[in-house]
Amino acid sequence: MKVIFYHTLTCPQCKAVEMMLKKEKVEYESCTDLDTMIARGLQHTPILEVEGNLLSGKEIFDWIRGQRAV
């Protein structure tokens, strides 16, 4: 499963998502390149891309919590 985590280094919400990803041992690629994010049409962070589907806000946390059962 391909997971890409789009984030900035100073965003508190991004740090919370990153901590949760690590805690649940979810493997992911990290992207902090603003040009890449803009080219993808992303207007805010954090964004988690899972198999091509973009998740934001509560969706991210719900998805990560759902990985516990996998």
PDB file of N, CA and C in Angstrom:
ATOM      1  N   MET A   1       0.852  -1.173   0.000  1.00  0.00           N
ATOM      2  CA  MET A   1       0.000   0.000   0.000  1.00  0.00           C
ATOM      3  C   MET A   1       0.898   1.236   0.000  1.00  0.00           C
ATOM      4  N   LYS A   2       0.621   2.153  -0.917  1.00  0.00           N
ATOM      5  CA  LYS A   2       1.421   3.367  -1.009  1.00  0.00           C
ATOM      6  C   LYS A   2       0.743   4.495  -0.238  1.00  0.00           C
ATOM      7  N   VAL A   3       1.497   5.071   0.719  1.00  0.00           N
ATOM      8  CA  VAL A   3       1.006   6.175   1.546  1.00  0.00           C
ATOM      9  C   VAL A   3       2.007   7.318   1.441  1.00  0.00           C
ATOM     10  N   ILE A   4       1.501   8.510   1.091  1.00  0.00           N
ATOM     11  CA  ILE A   4       2.350   9.708   1.037  1.00  0.00           C
ATOM     12  C   ILE A   4       1.791  10.718   2.027  1.00  0.00           C
ATOM     13  N   PHE A   5       2.656  11.233   2.871  1.00  0.00           N
ATOM     14  CA  PHE A   5       2.282  12.211   3.883  1.00  0.00           C
ATOM     15  C   PHE A   5       2.804  13.579   3.450  1.00  0.00           C
ATOM     16  N   TYR A   6       1.879  14.460   3.053  1.00  0.00           N
ATOM     17  CA  TYR A   6       2.227  15.829   2.662  1.00  0.00           C
ATOM     18  C   TYR A   6       2.112  16.702   3.907  1.00  0.00           C
ATOM     19  N   HIS A   7       3.219  17.370   4.245  1.00  0.00           N
ATOM     20  CA  HIS A   7       3.215  18.149   5.487  1.00  0.00           C
ATOM     21  C   HIS A   7       4.291  19.224   5.471  1.00  0.00           C
ATOM     22  N   THR A   8       4.199  20.109   6.451  1.00  0.00           N
ATOM     23  CA  THR A   8       5.255  21.089   6.663  1.00  0.00           C
ATOM     24  C   THR A   8       5.947  20.740   7.981  1.00  0.00           C
ATOM     25  N   LEU A   9       7.105  21.308   8.179  1.00  0.00           N
ATOM     26  CA  LEU A   9       7.894  20.964   9.357  1.00  0.00           C
ATOM     27  C   LEU A   9       7.482  21.733  10.606  1.00  0.00           C
ATOM     28  N   THR A  10       6.679  22.778  10.448  1.00  0.00           N
ATOM     29  CA  THR A  10       6.320  23.600  11.605  1.00  0.00           C
ATOM     30  C   THR A  10       4.855  23.497  12.010  1.00  0.00           C
ATOM     31  N   CYS A  11       4.070  22.751  11.290  1.00  0.00           N
ATOM     32  CA  CYS A  11       2.630  22.633  11.536  1.00  0.00           C
ATOM     33  C   CYS A  11       2.356  21.682  12.718  1.00  0.00           C
ATOM     34  N   PRO A  12       1.673  22.159  13.767  1.00  0.00           N
ATOM     35  CA  PRO A  12       1.376  21.296  14.915  1.00  0.00           C
ATOM     36  C   PRO A  12       0.500  20.097  14.549  1.00  0.00           C
ATOM     37  N   GLN A  13      -0.461  20.294  13.657  1.00  0.00           N
ATOM     38  CA  GLN A  13      -1.319  19.174  13.243  1.00  0.00           C
ATOM     39  C   GLN A  13      -0.515  18.136  12.464  1.00  0.00           C
ATOM     40  N   CYS A  14       0.420  18.620  11.653  1.00  0.00           N
ATOM     41  CA  CYS A  14       1.279  17.707  10.894  1.00  0.00           C
ATOM     42  C   CYS A  14       2.120  16.860  11.847  1.00  0.00           C
ATOM     43  N   LYS A  15       2.632  17.482  12.888  1.00  0.00           N
ATOM     44  CA  LYS A  15       3.443  16.749  13.866  1.00  0.00           C
ATOM     45  C   LYS A  15       2.610  15.689  14.574  1.00  0.00           C
ATOM     46  N   ALA A  16       1.347  15.994  14.874  1.00  0.00           N
ATOM     47  CA  ALA A  16       0.459  15.025  15.525  1.00  0.00           C
ATOM     48  C   ALA A  16       0.211  13.830  14.606  1.00  0.00           C
ATOM     49  N   VAL A  17      -0.019  14.103  13.324  1.00  0.00           N
ATOM     50  CA  VAL A  17      -0.235  13.022  12.360  1.00  0.00           C
ATOM     51  C   VAL A  17       1.029  12.168  12.251  1.00  0.00           C
ATOM     52  N   GLU A  18       2.176  12.814  12.165  1.00  0.00           N
ATOM     53  CA  GLU A  18       3.429  12.073  12.039  1.00  0.00           C
ATOM     54  C   GLU A  18       3.671  11.176  13.258  1.00  0.00           C
ATOM     55  N   MET A  19       3.399  11.690  14.434  1.00  0.00           N
ATOM     56  CA  MET A  19       3.561  10.889  15.649  1.00  0.00           C
ATOM     57  C   MET A  19       2.637   9.669  15.620  1.00  0.00           C
ATOM     58  N   MET A  20       1.416   9.874  15.169  1.00  0.00           N
ATOM     59  CA  MET A  20       0.452   8.783  15.115  1.00  0.00           C
ATOM     60  C   MET A  20       0.855   7.740  14.063  1.00  0.00           C
ATOM     61  N   LEU A  21       1.331   8.193  12.912  1.00  0.00           N
ATOM     62  CA  LEU A  21       1.802   7.267  11.880  1.00  0.00           C
ATOM     63  C   LEU A  21       2.931   6.391  12.419  1.00  0.00           C
ATOM     64  N   LYS A  22       3.860   7.015  13.113  1.00  0.00           N
ATOM     65  CA  LYS A  22       4.989   6.269  13.678  1.00  0.00           C
ATOM     66  C   LYS A  22       4.538   5.320  14.773  1.00  0.00           C
ATOM     67  N   LYS A  23       3.647   5.781  15.626  1.00  0.00           N
ATOM     68  CA  LYS A  23       3.144   4.939  16.722  1.00  0.00           C
ATOM     69  C   LYS A  23       2.460   3.685  16.188  1.00  0.00           C
ATOM     70  N   GLU A  24       1.689   3.850  15.117  1.00  0.00           N
ATOM     71  CA  GLU A  24       0.965   2.718  14.530  1.00  0.00           C
ATOM     72  C   GLU A  24       1.800   1.962  13.504  1.00  0.00           C
ATOM     73  N   LYS A  25       3.076   2.383  13.347  1.00  0.00           N
ATOM     74  CA  LYS A  25       4.020   1.723  12.439  1.00  0.00           C
ATOM     75  C   LYS A  25       3.516   1.664  10.992  1.00  0.00           C
ATOM     76  N   VAL A  26       2.918   2.772  10.556  1.00  0.00           N
ATOM     77  CA  VAL A  26       2.462   2.883   9.176  1.00  0.00           C
ATOM     78  C   VAL A  26       3.644   3.347   8.330  1.00  0.00           C
ATOM     79  N   GLU A  27       3.970   2.608   7.298  1.00  0.00           N
ATOM     80  CA  GLU A  27       5.051   3.004   6.400  1.00  0.00           C
ATOM     81  C   GLU A  27       4.523   4.052   5.432  1.00  0.00           C
ATOM     82  N   TYR A  28       5.298   5.123   5.236  1.00  0.00           N
ATOM     83  CA  TYR A  28       4.856   6.209   4.377  1.00  0.00           C
ATOM     84  C   TYR A  28       6.046   6.939   3.784  1.00  0.00           C
ATOM     85  N   GLU A  29       5.787   7.625   2.677  1.00  0.00           N
ATOM     86  CA  GLU A  29       6.760   8.547   2.097  1.00  0.00           C
ATOM     87  C   GLU A  29       6.426   9.932   2.624  1.00  0.00           C
ATOM     88  N   SER A  30       7.424  10.711   2.919  1.00  0.00           N
ATOM     89  CA  SER A  30       7.230  12.063   3.420  1.00  0.00           C
ATOM     90  C   SER A  30       7.473  13.070   2.299  1.00  0.00           C
ATOM     91  N   CYS A  31       6.566  14.044   2.161  1.00  0.00           N
ATOM     92  CA  CYS A  31       6.753  15.102   1.166  1.00  0.00           C
ATOM     93  C   CYS A  31       6.549  16.450   1.848  1.00  0.00           C
ATOM     94  N   THR A  32       7.616  17.241   1.883  1.00  0.00           N
ATOM     95  CA  THR A  32       7.544  18.595   2.437  1.00  0.00           C
ATOM     96  C   THR A  32       7.823  19.652   1.372  1.00  0.00           C
ATOM     97  N   ASP A  33       7.891  19.222   0.123  1.00  0.00           N
ATOM     98  CA  ASP A  33       8.203  20.129  -0.979  1.00  0.00           C
ATOM     99  C   ASP A  33       6.955  20.911  -1.398  1.00  0.00           C
ATOM    100  N   LEU A  34       6.954  22.212  -1.145  1.00  0.00           N
ATOM    101  CA  LEU A  34       5.784  23.038  -1.441  1.00  0.00           C
ATOM    102  C   LEU A  34       5.452  23.076  -2.923  1.00  0.00           C
ATOM    103  N   ASP A  35       6.449  23.079  -3.785  1.00  0.00           N
ATOM    104  CA  ASP A  35       6.193  23.089  -5.231  1.00  0.00           C
ATOM    105  C   ASP A  35       5.434  21.826  -5.658  1.00  0.00           C
ATOM    106  N   THR A  36       5.818  20.694  -5.097  1.00  0.00           N
ATOM    107  CA  THR A  36       5.119  19.440  -5.398  1.00  0.00           C
ATOM    108  C   THR A  36       3.675  19.517  -4.923  1.00  0.00           C
ATOM    109  N   MET A  37       3.466  20.032  -3.718  1.00  0.00           N
ATOM    110  CA  MET A  37       2.115  20.128  -3.171  1.00  0.00           C
ATOM    111  C   MET A  37       1.240  21.065  -4.011  1.00  0.00           C
ATOM    112  N   ILE A  38       1.802  22.192  -4.415  1.00  0.00           N
ATOM    113  CA  ILE A  38       1.056  23.153  -5.233  1.00  0.00           C
ATOM    114  C   ILE A  38       0.716  22.524  -6.586  1.00  0.00           C
ATOM    115  N   ALA A  39       1.683  21.827  -7.174  1.00  0.00           N
ATOM    116  CA  ALA A  39       1.448  21.172  -8.465  1.00  0.00           C
ATOM    117  C   ALA A  39       0.340  20.123  -8.363  1.00  0.00           C
ATOM    118  N   ARG A  40       0.205  19.501  -7.201  1.00  0.00           N
ATOM    119  CA  ARG A  40      -0.852  18.497  -6.981  1.00  0.00           C
ATOM    120  C   ARG A  40      -2.191  19.151  -6.633  1.00  0.00           C
ATOM    121  N   GLY A  41      -2.193  20.490  -6.473  1.00  0.00           N
ATOM    122  CA  GLY A  41      -3.428  21.199  -6.151  1.00  0.00           C
ATOM    123  C   GLY A  41      -3.758  21.218  -4.672  1.00  0.00           C
ATOM    124  N   LEU A  42      -2.797  20.845  -3.842  1.00  0.00           N
ATOM    125  CA  LEU A  42      -3.024  20.828  -2.399  1.00  0.00           C
ATOM    126  C   LEU A  42      -2.926  22.246  -1.862  1.00  0.00           C
ATOM    127  N   GLN A  43      -3.896  22.629  -1.034  1.00  0.00           N
ATOM    128  CA  GLN A  43      -3.938  23.997  -0.522  1.00  0.00           C
ATOM    129  C   GLN A  43      -3.694  24.093   0.973  1.00  0.00           C
ATOM    130  N   HIS A  44      -3.556  22.962   1.626  1.00  0.00           N
ATOM    131  CA  HIS A  44      -3.296  22.972   3.069  1.00  0.00           C
ATOM    132  C   HIS A  44      -2.614  21.664   3.458  1.00  0.00           C
ATOM    133  N   THR A  45      -2.111  21.624   4.656  1.00  0.00           N
ATOM    134  CA  THR A  45      -1.514  20.405   5.208  1.00  0.00           C
ATOM    135  C   THR A  45      -2.111  20.194   6.586  1.00  0.00           C
ATOM    136  N   PRO A  46      -2.075  19.029   7.121  1.00  0.00           N
ATOM    137  CA  PRO A  46      -1.563  17.793   6.554  1.00  0.00           C
ATOM    138  C   PRO A  46      -2.550  17.150   5.589  1.00  0.00           C
ATOM    139  N   ILE A  47      -1.987  16.433   4.639  1.00  0.00           N
ATOM    140  CA  ILE A  47      -2.754  15.612   3.701  1.00  0.00           C
ATOM    141  C   ILE A  47      -2.086  14.239   3.669  1.00  0.00           C
ATOM    142  N   LEU A  48      -2.895  13.214   3.690  1.00  0.00           N
ATOM    143  CA  LEU A  48      -2.388  11.856   3.570  1.00  0.00           C
ATOM    144  C   LEU A  48      -2.971  11.277   2.285  1.00  0.00           C
ATOM    145  N   GLU A  49      -2.090  10.803   1.424  1.00  0.00           N
ATOM    146  CA  GLU A  49      -2.537  10.158   0.187  1.00  0.00           C
ATOM    147  C   GLU A  49      -2.376   8.651   0.358  1.00  0.00           C
ATOM    148  N   VAL A  50      -3.487   7.941   0.262  1.00  0.00           N
ATOM    149  CA  VAL A  50      -3.487   6.490   0.419  1.00  0.00           C
ATOM    150  C   VAL A  50      -4.007   5.875  -0.871  1.00  0.00           C
ATOM    151  N   GLU A  51      -3.097   5.193  -1.589  1.00  0.00           N
ATOM    152  CA  GLU A  51      -3.477   4.557  -2.850  1.00  0.00           C
ATOM    153  C   GLU A  51      -4.207   5.526  -3.783  1.00  0.00           C
ATOM    154  N   GLY A  52      -3.735   6.777  -3.835  1.00  0.00           N
ATOM    155  CA  GLY A  52      -4.307   7.772  -4.736  1.00  0.00           C
ATOM    156  C   GLY A  52      -5.456   8.577  -4.168  1.00  0.00           C
ATOM    157  N   ASN A  53      -5.967   8.190  -2.996  1.00  0.00           N
ATOM    158  CA  ASN A  53      -7.064   8.923  -2.351  1.00  0.00           C
ATOM    159  C   ASN A  53      -6.503   9.920  -1.346  1.00  0.00           C
ATOM    160  N   LEU A  54      -6.942  11.176  -1.438  1.00  0.00           N
ATOM    161  CA  LEU A  54      -6.465  12.216  -0.538  1.00  0.00           C
ATOM    162  C   LEU A  54      -7.355  12.301   0.689  1.00  0.00           C
ATOM    163  N   LEU A  55      -6.719  12.276   1.856  1.00  0.00           N
ATOM    164  CA  LEU A  55      -7.420  12.386   3.132  1.00  0.00           C
ATOM    165  C   LEU A  55      -6.932  13.630   3.855  1.00  0.00           C
ATOM    166  N   SER A  56      -7.847  14.297   4.555  1.00  0.00           N
ATOM    167  CA  SER A  56      -7.452  15.456   5.357  1.00  0.00           C
ATOM    168  C   SER A  56      -8.278  15.474   6.628  1.00  0.00           C
ATOM    169  N   GLY A  57      -7.846  16.289   7.575  1.00  0.00           N
ATOM    170  CA  GLY A  57      -8.585  16.461   8.817  1.00  0.00           C
ATOM    171  C   GLY A  57      -8.847  15.152   9.542  1.00  0.00           C
ATOM    172  N   LYS A  58     -10.072  14.997   9.987  1.00  0.00           N
ATOM    173  CA  LYS A  58     -10.482  13.825  10.769  1.00  0.00           C
ATOM    174  C   LYS A  58     -10.306  12.535   9.978  1.00  0.00           C
ATOM    175  N   GLU A  59     -10.430  12.597   8.659  1.00  0.00           N
ATOM    176  CA  GLU A  59     -10.271  11.401   7.824  1.00  0.00           C
ATOM    177  C   GLU A  59      -8.903  10.745   8.045  1.00  0.00           C
ATOM    178  N   ILE A  60      -7.873  11.579   8.208  1.00  0.00           N
ATOM    179  CA  ILE A  60      -6.517  11.055   8.415  1.00  0.00           C
ATOM    180  C   ILE A  60      -6.478  10.226   9.691  1.00  0.00           C
ATOM    181  N   PHE A  61      -6.963  10.813  10.784  1.00  0.00           N
ATOM    182  CA  PHE A  61      -6.905  10.131  12.073  1.00  0.00           C
ATOM    183  C   PHE A  61      -7.764   8.868  12.065  1.00  0.00           C
ATOM    184  N   ASP A  62      -8.937   8.926  11.435  1.00  0.00           N
ATOM    185  CA  ASP A  62      -9.803   7.746  11.335  1.00  0.00           C
ATOM    186  C   ASP A  62      -9.105   6.636  10.556  1.00  0.00           C
ATOM    187  N   TRP A  63      -8.436   6.985   9.455  1.00  0.00           N
ATOM    188  CA  TRP A  63      -7.739   5.986   8.648  1.00  0.00           C
ATOM    189  C   TRP A  63      -6.604   5.351   9.442  1.00  0.00           C
ATOM    190  N   ILE A  64      -5.807   6.171  10.122  1.00  0.00           N
ATOM    191  CA  ILE A  64      -4.684   5.632  10.901  1.00  0.00           C
ATOM    192  C   ILE A  64      -5.208   4.707  11.995  1.00  0.00           C
ATOM    193  N   ARG A  65      -6.250   5.124  12.705  1.00  0.00           N
ATOM    194  CA  ARG A  65      -6.821   4.264  13.752  1.00  0.00           C
ATOM    195  C   ARG A  65      -7.318   2.946  13.155  1.00  0.00           C
ATOM    196  N   GLY A  66      -7.844   2.998  11.960  1.00  0.00           N
ATOM    197  CA  GLY A  66      -8.311   1.794  11.294  1.00  0.00           C
ATOM    198  C   GLY A  66      -7.211   0.807  10.951  1.00  0.00           C
ATOM    199  N   GLN A  67      -5.966   1.271  10.907  1.00  0.00           N
ATOM    200  CA  GLN A  67      -4.846   0.409  10.587  1.00  0.00           C
ATOM    201  C   GLN A  67      -4.500  -0.516  11.741  1.00  0.00           C
ATOM    202  N   ARG A  68      -4.978  -0.205  12.937  1.00  0.00           N
ATOM    203  CA  ARG A  68      -4.697  -1.061  14.107  1.00  0.00           C
ATOM    204  C   ARG A  68      -5.261  -2.467  13.906  1.00  0.00           C
ATOM    205  N   ALA A  69      -6.404  -2.536  13.221  1.00  0.00           N
ATOM    206  CA  ALA A  69      -7.069  -3.816  13.030  1.00  0.00           C
ATOM    207  C   ALA A  69      -6.450  -4.634  11.897  1.00  0.00           C
ATOM    208  N   VAL A  70      -5.609  -3.989  11.087  1.00  0.00           N
ATOM    209  CA  VAL A  70      -5.032  -4.672   9.921  1.00  0.00           C
ATOM    210  C   VAL A  70      -3.859  -5.509  10.329  1.00  0.00           C
TER     211      VAL A  70
END
